[in-house]
């Protein structure tokens, strides 16, 4: 069932490539995503999600533009411009299970600096996933992500992490994007993990505004995420179509 949720997300993230263009509002992207998810017999995991101190999350997806790191709320006033980047985070629930994945998109032609940030963030996710094998530890994932990001002159966003996912959207273990190898909970076959580096160009520090997180210095941020299954051999990425 988790694979089914993740496959819906994967198809949606692919479909969004044709929607994310200059001139579109983040509200329109959210409406497209909401309709897509429901047409698959599923519901958006994020819509109505609650945490203490905040109103329920109001949208189907998160849309984080440029310096937005994660949890950006879609709205009619945020219009994408040529050269922007936008992180789209999607959760889907079907038959009592959840999947979770994210991708950062270029809006038209983007700068070399923005393209490099996307490439480094995506590669850091690949390296983190490569450590998600039975017998390894959460810190091995964290270390692989964080050391690669730092080696490329970037910063992982403070206190924003990956997580387990399954019957609940957020489960144990917490998966930081920086850490020590050989530390943390040991990984076992059958675990489903949402691994998600969030990488800033200029600083590790974040600024919070309700649900939304931004890089503290206003520099660009990118976000990639997959839900994976820990197996007795190589990790299985569930959120690829």
Protein backbone atom coordinates (compact mmCIF):
# COMPACT_ATOMS: atom_id res chain seq x y z
CA UNK A 1 0.00 0.00 0.00
CA UNK A 2 2.85 2.41 0.69
CA UNK A 3 4.23 1.66 -2.77
CA UNK A 4 0.80 2.48 -4.26
CA UNK A 5 0.80 5.88 -2.51
CA UNK A 6 4.34 6.57 -3.67
CA UNK A 7 3.53 5.66 -7.26
CA UNK A 8 0.71 8.22 -7.28
CA UNK A 9 3.19 10.82 -6.02
CA UNK A 10 5.78 9.85 -8.62
CA UNK A 11 3.28 10.21 -11.46
CA UNK A 12 2.10 13.54 -10.08
CA UNK A 13 5.63 14.91 -9.76
CA UNK A 14 6.27 13.92 -13.38
CA UNK A 15 3.01 15.53 -14.52
CA UNK A 16 3.86 18.79 -12.75
CA UNK A 17 6.77 19.31 -15.15
CA UNK A 18 4.26 20.56 -17.72
CA UNK A 19 2.41 22.78 -15.23
CA UNK A 20 5.32 24.60 -13.60
CA UNK A 21 5.96 27.44 -16.04
CA UNK A 22 6.39 31.21 -15.75
CA UNK A 23 3.11 32.95 -15.01
CA UNK A 24 1.39 30.14 -13.10
CA UNK A 25 0.34 30.67 -9.48
CA UNK A 26 1.21 28.22 -6.74
CA UNK A 27 -2.54 28.00 -6.08
CA UNK A 28 -3.09 26.61 -9.60
CA UNK A 29 -0.35 24.04 -9.04
CA UNK A 30 -2.03 22.98 -5.80
CA UNK A 31 -5.43 22.66 -7.48
CA UNK A 32 -3.93 20.47 -10.21
CA UNK A 33 -2.21 18.29 -7.59
CA UNK A 34 -5.35 17.95 -5.44
CA UNK A 35 -7.43 16.88 -8.44
CA UNK A 36 -4.73 14.44 -9.59
CA UNK A 37 -4.43 12.76 -6.19
CA UNK A 38 -8.18 12.38 -5.75
CA UNK A 39 -8.60 11.04 -9.29
CA UNK A 40 -6.35 8.17 -8.19
CA UNK A 41 -8.69 7.28 -5.33
CA UNK A 42 -6.36 8.78 -2.73
CA UNK A 43 -6.33 11.88 -0.54
CA UNK A 44 -3.62 14.48 0.15
CA UNK A 45 -1.87 13.63 3.41
CA UNK A 46 -0.97 17.24 4.09
CA UNK A 47 -4.43 18.83 3.79
CA UNK A 48 -5.76 19.35 7.31
CA UNK A 49 -2.53 18.08 8.92
CA UNK A 50 -2.17 19.50 12.42
CA UNK A 51 0.70 20.44 14.67
CA UNK A 52 0.36 22.29 18.00
CA UNK A 53 0.15 26.06 17.77
CA UNK A 54 -0.81 26.30 14.09
CA UNK A 55 -4.03 26.11 12.12
CA UNK A 56 -4.42 22.90 10.09
CA UNK A 57 -2.34 22.91 6.91
CA UNK A 58 -4.67 24.30 4.21
CA UNK A 59 -3.38 22.81 0.96
CA UNK A 60 -2.77 19.51 -0.81
CA UNK A 61 0.95 20.12 -1.42
CA UNK A 62 3.77 22.38 -0.24
CA UNK A 63 5.16 24.93 -2.71
CA UNK A 64 8.44 26.54 -1.59
CA UNK A 65 9.86 29.16 -3.97
CA UNK A 66 13.51 30.30 -4.13
CA UNK A 67 14.51 30.93 -0.49
CA UNK A 68 11.59 28.80 0.72
CA UNK A 69 12.93 25.58 2.20
CA UNK A 70 9.78 23.59 2.95
CA UNK A 71 6.07 23.84 3.85
CA UNK A 72 5.37 26.79 1.57
CA UNK A 73 1.61 27.37 1.38
CA UNK A 74 0.15 27.71 -2.14
CA UNK A 75 -1.72 30.93 -2.82
CA UNK A 76 -3.08 33.04 -5.66
CA UNK A 77 -0.54 35.84 -5.13
CA UNK A 78 2.65 33.82 -5.59
CA UNK A 79 3.23 33.80 -9.35
CA UNK A 80 6.22 31.94 -10.74
CA UNK A 81 8.75 33.91 -12.77
CA UNK A 82 11.39 32.83 -15.27
CA UNK A 83 14.49 31.78 -13.35
CA UNK A 84 12.72 30.79 -10.13
CA UNK A 85 13.10 27.40 -8.50
CA UNK A 86 10.24 25.76 -6.63
CA UNK A 87 10.26 22.81 -4.27
CA UNK A 88 7.11 20.68 -4.39
CA UNK A 89 6.49 18.34 -1.45
CA UNK A 90 3.65 15.81 -1.73
CA UNK A 91 2.10 13.38 0.71
CA UNK A 92 -0.58 10.87 -0.33
CA UNK A 93 -2.77 8.59 1.77
CA UNK A 94 -4.64 5.56 0.44
CA UNK A 95 -6.10 2.60 2.31
CA UNK A 96 -4.64 3.79 5.58
CA UNK A 97 -1.04 4.22 4.42
CA UNK A 98 1.05 7.24 3.44
CA UNK A 99 3.82 8.02 0.97
CA UNK A 100 5.96 11.17 0.82
CA UNK A 101 8.28 12.65 -1.81
CA UNK A 102 9.56 16.01 -3.05
CA UNK A 103 11.29 17.50 -6.05
CA UNK A 104 12.68 20.96 -6.90
CA UNK A 105 11.83 22.32 -10.35
CA UNK A 106 13.40 24.94 -12.57
CA UNK A 107 10.95 27.57 -13.81
CA UNK A 108 12.12 28.17 -17.36
CA UNK A 109 15.83 28.91 -17.71
CA UNK A 110 17.63 29.17 -14.38
CA UNK A 111 21.08 30.41 -13.38
CA UNK A 112 24.12 28.17 -13.25
CA UNK A 113 24.21 28.68 -9.47
CA UNK A 114 20.62 27.47 -9.11
CA UNK A 115 21.23 24.49 -11.39
CA UNK A 116 24.29 23.47 -9.40
CA UNK A 117 22.30 23.67 -6.15
CA UNK A 118 19.64 21.36 -7.59
CA UNK A 119 22.25 18.90 -8.81
CA UNK A 120 24.11 18.80 -5.49
CA UNK A 121 20.92 18.36 -3.49
CA UNK A 122 19.70 15.57 -5.73
CA UNK A 123 23.06 13.80 -5.54
CA UNK A 124 23.11 14.13 -1.74
CA UNK A 125 19.75 12.32 -1.68
CA UNK A 126 21.17 9.53 -3.84
CA UNK A 127 24.14 9.16 -1.52
CA UNK A 128 21.92 9.11 1.57
CA UNK A 129 19.68 6.45 0.05
CA UNK A 130 22.73 4.32 -0.77
CA UNK A 131 23.35 3.94 2.98
CA UNK A 132 19.80 2.79 3.78
CA UNK A 133 20.57 -0.91 4.03
CA UNK A 134 19.83 -3.52 6.67
CA UNK A 135 22.37 -3.31 9.47
CA UNK A 136 23.42 0.27 8.77
CA UNK A 137 22.43 3.12 11.08
CA UNK A 138 20.49 6.35 10.62
CA UNK A 139 23.73 8.27 11.17
CA UNK A 140 25.22 6.64 8.07
CA UNK A 141 22.45 8.22 5.96
CA UNK A 142 22.89 11.56 7.70
CA UNK A 143 26.67 11.53 7.32
CA UNK A 144 26.53 10.70 3.60
CA UNK A 145 24.17 13.62 2.95
CA UNK A 146 25.83 16.19 5.18
CA UNK A 147 29.44 15.59 4.17
CA UNK A 148 28.61 15.79 0.46
CA UNK A 149 26.65 19.00 0.92
CA UNK A 150 29.45 20.60 2.94
CA UNK A 151 32.12 19.46 0.48
CA UNK A 152 30.26 21.39 -2.21
CA UNK A 153 30.14 24.58 -0.14
CA UNK A 154 26.46 24.40 0.80
CA UNK A 155 24.52 23.98 4.04
CA UNK A 156 21.84 21.60 5.25
CA UNK A 157 18.93 23.48 6.83
CA UNK A 158 18.95 23.38 10.63
CA UNK A 159 16.56 21.02 12.42
CA UNK A 160 14.67 19.92 9.30
CA UNK A 161 14.79 16.17 8.89
CA UNK A 162 13.52 13.09 7.16
CA UNK A 163 11.44 10.49 8.97
CA UNK A 164 9.82 7.12 8.92
CA UNK A 165 6.54 6.89 7.02
CA UNK A 166 3.76 4.30 6.89
CA UNK A 167 0.46 4.19 8.72
CA UNK A 168 1.28 7.72 9.89
CA UNK A 169 2.80 10.46 7.77
CA UNK A 170 5.61 11.04 10.27
CA UNK A 171 7.00 8.10 12.21
CA UNK A 172 10.25 7.12 13.89
CA UNK A 173 13.09 7.23 13.18
CA UNK A 174 13.98 10.88 12.69
CA UNK A 175 16.56 11.14 9.89
CA UNK A 176 18.77 14.25 10.18
CA UNK A 177 20.65 15.53 7.14
CA UNK A 178 23.91 15.70 9.05
CA UNK A 179 25.33 13.27 11.57
CA UNK A 180 27.96 10.76 12.59
CA UNK A 181 28.41 7.41 10.87
CA UNK A 182 27.64 4.36 12.97
CA UNK A 183 25.31 6.29 15.27
CA UNK A 184 21.57 6.29 15.74
CA UNK A 185 18.93 3.57 15.31
CA UNK A 186 19.94 0.48 13.36
CA UNK A 187 18.12 -0.06 10.07
CA UNK A 188 16.13 -3.23 9.56
CA UNK A 189 14.58 -4.78 6.46
CA UNK A 190 10.97 -3.69 6.08
CA UNK A 191 11.47 -0.13 7.31
CA UNK A 192 10.00 2.57 5.07
CA UNK A 193 11.86 5.87 5.29
CA UNK A 194 11.33 9.33 3.80
CA UNK A 195 14.84 10.67 3.21
CA UNK A 196 14.86 14.38 2.34
CA UNK A 197 17.88 16.68 2.16
CA UNK A 198 17.00 20.39 2.31
CA UNK A 199 20.02 22.39 1.18
CA UNK A 200 20.71 26.15 1.28
CA UNK A 201 23.35 28.05 -0.66
CA UNK A 202 24.27 30.62 1.98
CA UNK A 203 23.52 29.44 5.52
CA UNK A 204 22.30 26.56 7.63
CA UNK A 205 20.05 28.91 9.59
CA UNK A 206 16.33 29.04 8.95
CA UNK A 207 13.57 31.59 9.44
CA UNK A 208 10.13 30.35 10.45
CA UNK A 209 6.87 32.02 9.47
CA UNK A 210 4.00 29.88 10.69
CA UNK A 211 4.12 26.68 8.65
CA UNK A 212 6.77 28.00 6.27
CA UNK A 213 10.55 27.77 6.55
CA UNK A 214 12.99 30.03 4.66
CA UNK A 215 16.77 30.33 4.48
CA UNK A 216 17.66 33.00 7.03
CA UNK A 217 19.77 35.00 4.56
CA UNK A 218 17.31 34.77 1.66
CA UNK A 219 19.60 32.52 -0.40
CA UNK A 220 18.23 29.77 -2.64
CA UNK A 221 17.18 26.47 -1.14
CA UNK A 222 16.44 23.09 -2.75
CA UNK A 223 14.57 20.01 -1.52
CA UNK A 224 14.48 16.44 -2.83
CA UNK A 225 12.83 13.46 -1.14
CA UNK A 226 12.06 9.81 -1.77
CA UNK A 227 10.27 7.18 0.25
CA UNK A 228 12.42 4.06 0.28
CA UNK A 229 12.10 0.50 1.55
CA UNK A 230 15.01 -0.98 3.50
CA UNK A 231 15.66 -4.52 2.25
CA UNK A 232 18.22 -7.24 2.88
CA UNK A 233 20.08 -5.96 -0.20
CA UNK A 234 19.92 -2.59 -1.98
CA UNK A 235 17.33 -0.04 -0.85
CA UNK A 236 14.21 0.10 -3.01
CA UNK A 237 13.02 3.57 -4.04
CA UNK A 238 9.23 3.46 -3.94
CA UNK A 239 8.55 6.98 -5.24
CA UNK A 240 9.86 6.51 -8.79
CA UNK A 241 7.31 5.89 -11.55
